[in-house]
Amino acid sequence: MQKVQSVPQPVIAAVHGIATAAGCQLVATCDLAIATEDSRFATSGVRFGLFCSTPGVAVARNLSRKHALEMLLTGRFIDAATAERWGLLNRVVAVGQLDAACTTSSRSCRR
């Protein structure tokens, strides 16, 4: 996670599927995050008796306090549209458009 934040180039998370625990942390740590519309996100450790404190730091830096706590205290998955609305994602795209969206975002970052 420290490497993601220390490299001089922008790091883009491209999610197609499920990002939970450290995966959700990685999405929150990246400079930009794009996901397919069928992706889901969770910090579900609490469902197994564990509190996801490490992913919670990155998630709490991206989401409002109440949204972050909802994820951390319930362990429920949120869909991509909700993740975008809450601020975890920059954009949600159709399944077949993920690679193109990342390429476009990458070009935008270089300008």
N, C-alpha and C. Protein backbone atom coordinates (compact mmCIF):
# COMPACT_ATOMS: atom_id res chain seq x y z
N MET A 1 0.82 -1.19 0.00
CA MET A 1 0.00 0.00 0.00
C MET A 1 0.88 1.26 0.00
N GLN A 2 1.98 1.20 0.70
CA GLN A 2 2.88 2.36 0.70
C GLN A 2 3.48 2.60 -0.68
N LYS A 3 3.77 1.54 -1.40
CA LYS A 3 4.33 1.67 -2.75
C LYS A 3 3.33 2.34 -3.67
N VAL A 4 2.05 1.97 -3.55
CA VAL A 4 1.00 2.58 -4.39
C VAL A 4 1.00 4.09 -4.20
N GLN A 5 1.17 4.53 -2.98
CA GLN A 5 1.13 5.97 -2.71
C GLN A 5 2.44 6.68 -2.99
N SER A 6 3.53 5.93 -3.10
CA SER A 6 4.82 6.59 -3.27
C SER A 6 5.32 6.66 -4.72
N VAL A 7 4.76 5.88 -5.62
CA VAL A 7 5.23 5.94 -7.01
C VAL A 7 4.79 7.26 -7.64
N PRO A 8 5.59 7.82 -8.54
CA PRO A 8 5.25 9.11 -9.13
C PRO A 8 4.11 9.04 -10.16
N GLN A 9 3.83 7.86 -10.68
CA GLN A 9 2.76 7.71 -11.65
C GLN A 9 1.43 7.47 -10.92
N PRO A 10 0.32 7.90 -11.52
CA PRO A 10 -0.98 7.60 -10.92
C PRO A 10 -1.25 6.10 -11.01
N VAL A 11 -1.83 5.55 -9.96
CA VAL A 11 -2.16 4.13 -9.91
C VAL A 11 -3.68 4.00 -10.01
N ILE A 12 -4.12 3.18 -10.96
CA ILE A 12 -5.55 3.01 -11.22
C ILE A 12 -5.98 1.61 -10.79
N ALA A 13 -6.98 1.55 -9.93
CA ALA A 13 -7.59 0.27 -9.57
C ALA A 13 -8.65 -0.04 -10.61
N ALA A 14 -8.58 -1.22 -11.20
CA ALA A 14 -9.57 -1.67 -12.18
C ALA A 14 -10.22 -2.93 -11.62
N VAL A 15 -11.45 -2.81 -11.17
CA VAL A 15 -12.12 -3.90 -10.46
C VAL A 15 -13.19 -4.54 -11.34
N HIS A 16 -13.08 -5.85 -11.45
CA HIS A 16 -14.11 -6.64 -12.12
C HIS A 16 -14.38 -7.84 -11.23
N GLY A 17 -15.38 -7.72 -10.39
CA GLY A 17 -15.69 -8.80 -9.46
C GLY A 17 -15.84 -8.27 -8.05
N ILE A 18 -15.24 -8.99 -7.11
CA ILE A 18 -15.38 -8.66 -5.70
C ILE A 18 -14.06 -8.12 -5.16
N ALA A 19 -14.15 -7.02 -4.42
CA ALA A 19 -12.99 -6.47 -3.70
C ALA A 19 -13.37 -6.39 -2.23
N THR A 20 -12.79 -7.28 -1.45
CA THR A 20 -13.12 -7.32 -0.03
C THR A 20 -11.86 -7.27 0.81
N ALA A 21 -11.96 -6.78 2.01
CA ALA A 21 -10.85 -6.66 2.95
C ALA A 21 -9.68 -5.91 2.31
N ALA A 22 -8.52 -6.57 2.14
CA ALA A 22 -7.35 -5.90 1.57
C ALA A 22 -7.60 -5.46 0.13
N GLY A 23 -8.46 -6.15 -0.59
CA GLY A 23 -8.81 -5.74 -1.95
C GLY A 23 -9.54 -4.42 -1.95
N CYS A 24 -10.44 -4.25 -1.00
CA CYS A 24 -11.16 -2.99 -0.85
C CYS A 24 -10.19 -1.89 -0.40
N GLN A 25 -9.25 -2.26 0.45
CA GLN A 25 -8.21 -1.32 0.89
C GLN A 25 -7.38 -0.86 -0.31
N LEU A 26 -7.03 -1.78 -1.18
CA LEU A 26 -6.24 -1.43 -2.36
C LEU A 26 -7.00 -0.46 -3.25
N VAL A 27 -8.28 -0.70 -3.47
CA VAL A 27 -9.11 0.20 -4.28
C VAL A 27 -9.11 1.60 -3.65
N ALA A 28 -9.29 1.66 -2.34
CA ALA A 28 -9.33 2.95 -1.64
C ALA A 28 -7.98 3.65 -1.66
N THR A 29 -6.89 2.89 -1.73
CA THR A 29 -5.55 3.47 -1.71
C THR A 29 -5.12 4.03 -3.06
N CYS A 30 -5.60 3.43 -4.15
CA CYS A 30 -5.20 3.87 -5.49
C CYS A 30 -5.65 5.30 -5.77
N ASP A 31 -4.96 5.95 -6.71
CA ASP A 31 -5.27 7.33 -7.07
C ASP A 31 -6.63 7.44 -7.76
N LEU A 32 -6.92 6.49 -8.62
CA LEU A 32 -8.20 6.44 -9.33
C LEU A 32 -8.75 5.03 -9.19
N ALA A 33 -10.07 4.90 -9.26
CA ALA A 33 -10.68 3.57 -9.17
C ALA A 33 -11.87 3.50 -10.11
N ILE A 34 -11.82 2.48 -10.97
CA ILE A 34 -12.88 2.23 -11.95
C ILE A 34 -13.32 0.79 -11.76
N ALA A 35 -14.61 0.54 -11.86
CA ALA A 35 -15.11 -0.83 -11.68
C ALA A 35 -16.23 -1.12 -12.65
N THR A 36 -16.41 -2.40 -12.92
CA THR A 36 -17.53 -2.82 -13.75
C THR A 36 -18.81 -2.75 -12.91
N GLU A 37 -19.92 -2.63 -13.61
CA GLU A 37 -21.20 -2.46 -12.92
C GLU A 37 -21.61 -3.66 -12.07
N ASP A 38 -20.99 -4.82 -12.29
CA ASP A 38 -21.32 -5.99 -11.49
C ASP A 38 -20.36 -6.21 -10.31
N SER A 39 -19.46 -5.27 -10.07
CA SER A 39 -18.50 -5.39 -8.98
C SER A 39 -19.16 -5.10 -7.63
N ARG A 40 -18.55 -5.67 -6.58
CA ARG A 40 -19.05 -5.45 -5.22
C ARG A 40 -17.87 -5.25 -4.29
N PHE A 41 -18.13 -4.54 -3.18
CA PHE A 41 -17.08 -4.14 -2.26
C PHE A 41 -17.53 -4.37 -0.82
N ALA A 42 -16.58 -4.81 0.03
CA ALA A 42 -16.92 -5.03 1.44
C ALA A 42 -15.66 -5.06 2.30
N THR A 43 -15.85 -4.75 3.56
CA THR A 43 -14.86 -5.00 4.60
C THR A 43 -15.56 -5.95 5.56
N SER A 44 -15.60 -7.20 5.19
CA SER A 44 -16.49 -8.18 5.82
C SER A 44 -15.91 -8.94 7.01
N GLY A 45 -14.75 -8.54 7.50
CA GLY A 45 -14.15 -9.24 8.63
C GLY A 45 -15.05 -9.33 9.85
N VAL A 46 -15.85 -8.29 10.09
CA VAL A 46 -16.74 -8.26 11.24
C VAL A 46 -17.73 -9.43 11.23
N ARG A 47 -18.03 -9.93 10.08
CA ARG A 47 -18.95 -11.08 9.98
C ARG A 47 -18.31 -12.36 10.49
N PHE A 48 -16.98 -12.34 10.62
CA PHE A 48 -16.24 -13.51 11.11
C PHE A 48 -15.61 -13.24 12.47
N GLY A 49 -16.05 -12.17 13.13
CA GLY A 49 -15.53 -11.83 14.44
C GLY A 49 -14.25 -11.01 14.43
N LEU A 50 -13.89 -10.48 13.26
CA LEU A 50 -12.67 -9.67 13.13
C LEU A 50 -13.05 -8.26 12.68
N PHE A 51 -12.42 -7.26 13.22
CA PHE A 51 -12.65 -5.90 12.76
C PHE A 51 -11.55 -5.54 11.77
N CYS A 52 -11.93 -5.11 10.59
CA CYS A 52 -10.96 -4.79 9.52
C CYS A 52 -10.37 -3.40 9.74
N SER A 53 -9.47 -3.28 10.72
CA SER A 53 -8.93 -1.96 11.03
C SER A 53 -7.98 -1.46 9.95
N THR A 54 -7.17 -2.32 9.36
CA THR A 54 -6.22 -1.86 8.35
C THR A 54 -6.94 -1.38 7.09
N PRO A 55 -7.84 -2.18 6.50
CA PRO A 55 -8.60 -1.65 5.36
C PRO A 55 -9.47 -0.46 5.76
N GLY A 56 -9.88 -0.43 7.01
CA GLY A 56 -10.73 0.65 7.48
C GLY A 56 -10.10 2.02 7.36
N VAL A 57 -8.78 2.09 7.51
CA VAL A 57 -8.09 3.38 7.41
C VAL A 57 -8.25 3.95 6.00
N ALA A 58 -7.93 3.16 4.99
CA ALA A 58 -8.03 3.64 3.61
C ALA A 58 -9.49 3.93 3.23
N VAL A 59 -10.38 3.05 3.64
CA VAL A 59 -11.80 3.25 3.32
C VAL A 59 -12.31 4.54 3.97
N ALA A 60 -11.96 4.76 5.22
CA ALA A 60 -12.41 5.97 5.93
C ALA A 60 -11.83 7.25 5.34
N ARG A 61 -10.71 7.15 4.66
CA ARG A 61 -10.13 8.33 4.01
C ARG A 61 -10.86 8.69 2.72
N ASN A 62 -11.64 7.77 2.19
CA ASN A 62 -12.34 8.00 0.92
C ASN A 62 -13.83 8.24 1.09
N LEU A 63 -14.41 7.65 2.10
CA LEU A 63 -15.85 7.73 2.30
C LEU A 63 -16.17 8.65 3.47
N SER A 64 -17.41 9.07 3.54
CA SER A 64 -17.83 9.82 4.72
C SER A 64 -17.76 8.90 5.93
N ARG A 65 -17.72 9.46 7.09
CA ARG A 65 -17.62 8.69 8.32
C ARG A 65 -18.75 7.66 8.42
N LYS A 66 -19.96 8.07 8.15
CA LYS A 66 -21.10 7.16 8.30
C LYS A 66 -21.08 6.04 7.26
N HIS A 67 -20.68 6.34 6.05
CA HIS A 67 -20.60 5.29 5.03
C HIS A 67 -19.47 4.31 5.35
N ALA A 68 -18.34 4.84 5.79
CA ALA A 68 -17.22 3.96 6.17
C ALA A 68 -17.63 3.06 7.33
N LEU A 69 -18.27 3.62 8.33
CA LEU A 69 -18.70 2.81 9.47
C LEU A 69 -19.75 1.79 9.08
N GLU A 70 -20.61 2.14 8.15
CA GLU A 70 -21.60 1.16 7.68
C GLU A 70 -20.90 -0.04 7.06
N MET A 71 -19.89 0.21 6.26
CA MET A 71 -19.14 -0.89 5.66
C MET A 71 -18.41 -1.69 6.74
N LEU A 72 -17.72 -0.99 7.64
CA LEU A 72 -16.87 -1.64 8.63
C LEU A 72 -17.65 -2.37 9.72
N LEU A 73 -18.80 -1.84 10.11
CA LEU A 73 -19.55 -2.42 11.22
C LEU A 73 -20.59 -3.45 10.81
N THR A 74 -21.00 -3.42 9.53
CA THR A 74 -22.00 -4.41 9.09
C THR A 74 -21.38 -5.53 8.28
N GLY A 75 -20.28 -5.24 7.57
CA GLY A 75 -19.67 -6.26 6.72
C GLY A 75 -20.45 -6.55 5.46
N ARG A 76 -21.51 -5.80 5.22
CA ARG A 76 -22.32 -6.03 4.02
C ARG A 76 -21.62 -5.51 2.77
N PHE A 77 -21.89 -6.18 1.67
CA PHE A 77 -21.37 -5.74 0.38
C PHE A 77 -22.16 -4.54 -0.12
N ILE A 78 -21.46 -3.64 -0.81
CA ILE A 78 -22.13 -2.57 -1.54
C ILE A 78 -21.84 -2.78 -3.02
N ASP A 79 -22.79 -2.41 -3.85
CA ASP A 79 -22.60 -2.58 -5.29
C ASP A 79 -21.79 -1.43 -5.85
N ALA A 80 -21.42 -1.55 -7.11
CA ALA A 80 -20.55 -0.55 -7.74
C ALA A 80 -21.20 0.83 -7.79
N ALA A 81 -22.49 0.88 -8.06
CA ALA A 81 -23.17 2.17 -8.12
C ALA A 81 -23.12 2.88 -6.77
N THR A 82 -23.32 2.13 -5.71
CA THR A 82 -23.23 2.71 -4.36
C THR A 82 -21.80 3.13 -4.05
N ALA A 83 -20.84 2.30 -4.42
CA ALA A 83 -19.43 2.64 -4.19
C ALA A 83 -19.05 3.93 -4.90
N GLU A 84 -19.58 4.13 -6.09
CA GLU A 84 -19.30 5.38 -6.81
C GLU A 84 -19.98 6.55 -6.11
N ARG A 85 -21.22 6.38 -5.74
CA ARG A 85 -21.97 7.44 -5.08
C ARG A 85 -21.33 7.83 -3.74
N TRP A 86 -20.77 6.85 -3.02
CA TRP A 86 -20.15 7.10 -1.72
C TRP A 86 -18.73 7.64 -1.84
N GLY A 87 -18.10 7.54 -3.02
CA GLY A 87 -16.77 8.10 -3.21
C GLY A 87 -15.63 7.09 -3.23
N LEU A 88 -15.94 5.80 -3.21
CA LEU A 88 -14.89 4.78 -3.29
C LEU A 88 -14.40 4.63 -4.73
N LEU A 89 -15.27 4.89 -5.69
CA LEU A 89 -14.94 4.76 -7.11
C LEU A 89 -15.06 6.10 -7.82
N ASN A 90 -14.26 6.26 -8.87
CA ASN A 90 -14.41 7.42 -9.74
C ASN A 90 -15.49 7.19 -10.78
N ARG A 91 -15.55 5.93 -11.25
CA ARG A 91 -16.46 5.65 -12.37
C ARG A 91 -16.85 4.18 -12.38
N VAL A 92 -18.06 3.93 -12.85
CA VAL A 92 -18.56 2.57 -13.07
C VAL A 92 -18.81 2.43 -14.56
N VAL A 93 -18.35 1.31 -15.13
CA VAL A 93 -18.49 1.09 -16.57
C VAL A 93 -19.10 -0.28 -16.83
N ALA A 94 -19.56 -0.47 -18.05
CA ALA A 94 -20.07 -1.78 -18.47
C ALA A 94 -18.93 -2.79 -18.45
N VAL A 95 -19.27 -4.05 -18.30
CA VAL A 95 -18.28 -5.11 -18.17
C VAL A 95 -17.24 -5.07 -19.28
N GLY A 96 -17.65 -4.90 -20.50
CA GLY A 96 -16.73 -4.92 -21.63
C GLY A 96 -15.93 -3.65 -21.82
N GLN A 97 -16.15 -2.64 -21.00
CA GLN A 97 -15.50 -1.34 -21.18
C GLN A 97 -14.41 -1.03 -20.17
N LEU A 98 -14.07 -1.97 -19.31
CA LEU A 98 -13.11 -1.68 -18.24
C LEU A 98 -11.73 -1.33 -18.76
N ASP A 99 -11.20 -2.11 -19.68
CA ASP A 99 -9.86 -1.83 -20.21
C ASP A 99 -9.82 -0.47 -20.90
N ALA A 100 -10.82 -0.18 -21.71
CA ALA A 100 -10.86 1.10 -22.41
C ALA A 100 -10.97 2.26 -21.43
N ALA A 101 -11.74 2.10 -20.38
CA ALA A 101 -11.90 3.16 -19.39
C ALA A 101 -10.59 3.44 -18.67
N CYS A 102 -9.83 2.38 -18.38
CA CYS A 102 -8.54 2.56 -17.70
C CYS A 102 -7.54 3.24 -18.63
N THR A 103 -7.57 2.89 -19.89
CA THR A 103 -6.67 3.51 -20.86
C THR A 103 -6.98 4.98 -21.00
N THR A 104 -8.26 5.32 -21.08
CA THR A 104 -8.68 6.71 -21.19
C THR A 104 -8.28 7.49 -19.94
N SER A 105 -8.48 6.90 -18.78
CA SER A 105 -8.12 7.57 -17.51
C SER A 105 -6.62 7.76 -17.42
N SER A 106 -5.88 6.79 -17.88
CA SER A 106 -4.42 6.87 -17.85
C SER A 106 -3.92 8.00 -18.73
N ARG A 107 -4.50 8.15 -19.91
CA ARG A 107 -4.12 9.25 -20.81
C ARG A 107 -4.45 10.59 -20.17
N SER A 108 -5.60 10.67 -19.51
CA SER A 108 -6.01 11.92 -18.87
C SER A 108 -5.03 12.32 -17.78
N CYS A 109 -4.48 11.34 -17.08
CA CYS A 109 -3.54 11.63 -15.99
C CYS A 109 -2.21 12.14 -16.51
N ARG A 110 -1.85 11.79 -17.70
CA ARG A 110 -0.54 12.19 -18.24
C ARG A 110 -0.53 13.61 -18.77
N ARG A 111 -1.67 14.18 -18.99
CA ARG A 111 -1.72 15.52 -19.57
C ARG A 111 -1.32 16.58 -18.60
